[in-house]
Protein backbone atom coordinates (compact mmCIF):
# COMPACT_ATOMS: atom_id res chain seq x y z
CA UNK A 1 92.62 -63.39 -15.51
CA UNK A 2 91.47 -66.93 -14.83
CA UNK A 3 88.13 -68.42 -13.80
CA UNK A 4 88.95 -68.59 -10.07
CA UNK A 5 90.04 -64.95 -9.93
CA UNK A 6 86.98 -63.92 -11.90
CA UNK A 7 84.76 -65.87 -9.47
CA UNK A 8 86.04 -63.74 -6.58
CA UNK A 9 85.84 -60.59 -8.70
CA UNK A 10 82.23 -61.50 -9.50
CA UNK A 11 81.43 -61.75 -5.78
CA UNK A 12 83.04 -58.34 -5.17
CA UNK A 13 81.18 -56.75 -8.10
CA UNK A 14 77.94 -58.27 -6.83
CA UNK A 15 78.66 -56.77 -3.41
CA UNK A 16 79.11 -53.28 -4.87
CA UNK A 17 75.93 -53.73 -6.94
CA UNK A 18 73.94 -54.93 -3.93
CA UNK A 19 75.20 -52.06 -1.78
CA UNK A 20 73.99 -49.59 -4.42
CA UNK A 21 70.59 -51.28 -4.42
CA UNK A 22 70.45 -51.56 -0.63
CA UNK A 23 70.92 -47.82 -0.29
CA UNK A 24 68.46 -46.58 -2.91
CA UNK A 25 66.13 -49.36 -4.08
CA UNK A 26 63.73 -49.57 -1.11
CA UNK A 27 62.65 -45.91 -1.53
CA UNK A 28 62.61 -46.22 -5.34
CA UNK A 29 60.45 -49.37 -5.13
CA UNK A 30 57.63 -47.37 -3.51
CA UNK A 31 56.97 -45.66 -6.87
CA UNK A 32 58.31 -48.29 -9.31
CA UNK A 33 54.92 -49.72 -10.24
CA UNK A 34 55.17 -52.98 -12.19
CA UNK A 35 58.97 -52.96 -12.13
CA UNK A 36 59.29 -53.69 -8.42
CA UNK A 37 56.84 -54.35 -5.60
CA UNK A 38 57.19 -51.88 -2.74
CA UNK A 39 59.87 -53.29 -0.48
CA UNK A 40 60.81 -52.31 3.05
CA UNK A 41 64.42 -51.32 3.66
CA UNK A 42 65.15 -54.03 6.24
CA UNK A 43 63.63 -56.90 4.27
CA UNK A 44 65.43 -55.85 1.09
CA UNK A 45 68.77 -55.39 2.84
CA UNK A 46 68.37 -58.75 4.56
CA UNK A 47 67.69 -60.46 1.22
CA UNK A 48 70.62 -58.87 -0.62
CA UNK A 49 72.94 -59.63 2.29
CA UNK A 50 72.06 -63.32 2.13
CA UNK A 51 72.38 -63.31 -1.68
CA UNK A 52 75.76 -61.60 -1.41
CA UNK A 53 77.04 -64.15 1.11
CA UNK A 54 75.83 -66.89 -1.24
CA UNK A 55 78.05 -65.49 -4.01
CA UNK A 56 81.13 -65.75 -1.78
CA UNK A 57 80.17 -69.30 -0.78
CA UNK A 58 79.76 -70.23 -4.46
CA UNK A 59 83.16 -68.66 -5.29
CA UNK A 60 84.78 -70.63 -2.48
CA UNK A 61 83.09 -73.88 -3.54
CA UNK A 62 84.19 -73.28 -7.11
CA UNK A 63 87.79 -72.60 -6.11
CA UNK A 64 88.04 -75.64 -3.85
CA UNK A 65 85.96 -77.94 -6.06
CA UNK A 66 87.70 -77.17 -9.32
CA UNK A 67 86.64 -77.97 -12.84
CA UNK A 68 83.19 -79.46 -13.28
CA UNK A 69 82.36 -79.03 -9.59
CA UNK A 70 79.03 -78.05 -8.12
CA UNK A 71 80.67 -74.77 -7.09
CA UNK A 72 81.75 -74.00 -10.66
CA UNK A 73 78.16 -74.44 -11.85
CA UNK A 74 76.76 -72.47 -8.91
CA UNK A 75 78.99 -69.45 -9.51
CA UNK A 76 78.42 -69.67 -13.28
CA UNK A 77 74.65 -69.95 -12.85
CA UNK A 78 74.73 -67.03 -10.45
CA UNK A 79 76.73 -65.07 -13.04
CA UNK A 80 74.08 -65.92 -15.64
CA UNK A 81 71.40 -64.59 -13.27
CA UNK A 82 73.27 -61.32 -12.85
CA UNK A 83 73.94 -61.05 -16.57
CA UNK A 84 70.20 -61.33 -17.19
CA UNK A 85 69.55 -58.96 -14.27
CA UNK A 86 71.47 -56.25 -16.12
CA UNK A 87 68.73 -56.11 -18.73
CA UNK A 88 65.74 -57.38 -16.74
CA UNK A 89 64.89 -55.31 -14.73
CA UNK A 90 67.64 -52.67 -14.51
CA UNK A 91 68.10 -51.43 -18.05
CA UNK A 92 64.47 -52.09 -19.00
CA UNK A 93 63.13 -50.25 -15.92
CA UNK A 94 65.45 -47.28 -16.45
CA UNK A 95 64.40 -46.91 -20.09
CA UNK A 96 60.69 -47.57 -19.58
CA UNK A 97 60.34 -45.30 -16.54
CA UNK A 98 62.70 -42.66 -17.95
CA UNK A 99 64.42 -42.41 -14.61
CA UNK A 100 67.31 -44.19 -13.03
CA UNK A 101 66.60 -47.58 -11.48
CA UNK A 102 69.00 -48.24 -8.58
CA UNK A 103 71.61 -50.79 -9.54
CA UNK A 104 71.68 -49.96 -13.25
CA UNK A 105 75.14 -48.34 -13.23
CA UNK A 106 76.84 -51.15 -11.34
CA UNK A 107 74.94 -53.73 -13.39
CA UNK A 108 76.20 -52.25 -16.67
CA UNK A 109 79.68 -51.16 -15.58
CA UNK A 110 80.60 -54.08 -13.30
CA UNK A 111 78.23 -57.04 -13.47
CA UNK A 112 77.84 -57.26 -17.24
CA UNK A 113 81.53 -57.30 -18.16
CA UNK A 114 82.65 -59.43 -15.21
CA UNK A 115 79.90 -62.03 -15.61
CA UNK A 116 80.56 -62.19 -19.36
CA UNK A 117 84.26 -62.80 -18.72
CA UNK A 118 83.52 -65.33 -15.98
CA UNK A 119 81.30 -67.38 -18.27
CA UNK A 120 83.73 -67.09 -21.18
CA UNK A 121 86.66 -68.31 -19.06
CA UNK A 122 84.50 -70.97 -17.42
CA UNK A 123 83.88 -72.55 -20.81
CA UNK A 124 87.37 -71.88 -22.18
CA UNK A 125 89.20 -73.27 -19.15
CA UNK A 126 86.88 -76.27 -18.78
CA UNK A 127 85.34 -75.33 -15.44
CA UNK A 128 81.87 -75.63 -16.95
CA UNK A 129 80.69 -77.71 -19.87
CA UNK A 130 78.20 -76.25 -22.33
CA UNK A 131 76.08 -79.42 -22.44
CA UNK A 132 75.60 -79.29 -18.66
CA UNK A 133 75.46 -75.53 -18.26
CA UNK A 134 72.59 -75.31 -20.76
CA UNK A 135 70.28 -76.71 -18.06
CA UNK A 136 72.24 -76.15 -14.82
CA UNK A 137 72.74 -72.41 -15.47
CA UNK A 138 69.01 -71.69 -15.89
CA UNK A 139 68.28 -74.00 -12.95
CA UNK A 140 70.46 -71.82 -10.69
CA UNK A 141 68.75 -68.69 -12.06
CA UNK A 142 65.32 -70.18 -11.27
CA UNK A 143 66.53 -71.22 -7.81
CA UNK A 144 67.66 -67.67 -7.05
CA UNK A 145 64.38 -66.23 -8.34
CA UNK A 146 62.41 -68.65 -6.16
CA UNK A 147 64.58 -67.84 -3.13
CA UNK A 148 64.05 -64.07 -3.28
CA UNK A 149 60.40 -63.98 -2.07
CA UNK A 150 61.33 -66.30 0.80
CA UNK A 151 64.20 -64.01 1.77
CA UNK A 152 61.87 -60.98 1.71
CA UNK A 153 59.41 -62.90 3.90
CA UNK A 154 62.17 -63.90 6.33
CA UNK A 155 63.42 -60.31 6.39
CA UNK A 156 59.93 -59.00 7.22
CA UNK A 157 59.56 -61.57 10.00
CA UNK A 158 62.99 -60.78 11.39
CA UNK A 159 62.27 -57.04 11.26
CA UNK A 160 59.07 -57.69 13.22
CA UNK A 161 61.00 -59.56 15.90
CA UNK A 162 63.63 -56.85 16.16
CA UNK A 163 61.12 -54.02 16.36
CA UNK A 164 58.95 -55.61 19.07
CA UNK A 165 59.35 -53.90 22.44
CA UNK A 166 60.67 -56.06 25.27
CA UNK A 167 58.14 -56.97 27.80
C-alpha cells in the first residue's frame, strides 16, 4: 500500500475512532478527572466533526500536491498527532483509571498501525523528508492541540444558538 492510499485509510480510521469517541466520550468525561475536562456532547461532536473533515482535506491536499507538498506534511503531522494520541491520553487513561477510556480500542487497533505505516511510507517514498518533518510534524501536532479548545468553544456557542427558542 502506498502513501496516498494510506492517507485516505488514515482519514477513514480517524473517522471510526472519532465516532467511537463521539458516542461515549462526553458521558465518560464527566467522571474522568484529570484525564479529560467534562465536555458536553454537542461541543465534543462538533469538534471531532471538524477535525475529521480536516483529515480528509489533508489527504486530498497530499494526494493532489504530491511529494514534499504542504498536504503531505499536514497528513503526516496529523498522523503523528494520532500516533501520540494512542498513548496520551487513551492508553494512559485506561491504565491509570482501570477502566476503558473511549477511543482506546480504535486508537490501538486502527490508528496506531495505520499512522505508523503512513509515516513509514511517507519517508520511504519521499513524500516527507526527515529533516523537515522533525519540526513540521510537531508543529502540526501543536496546531491541532491549540485548535481543540477553540473548537469546543465554537461548539458551545453554536449549541447555545441552536437551543435558543425562537422569539
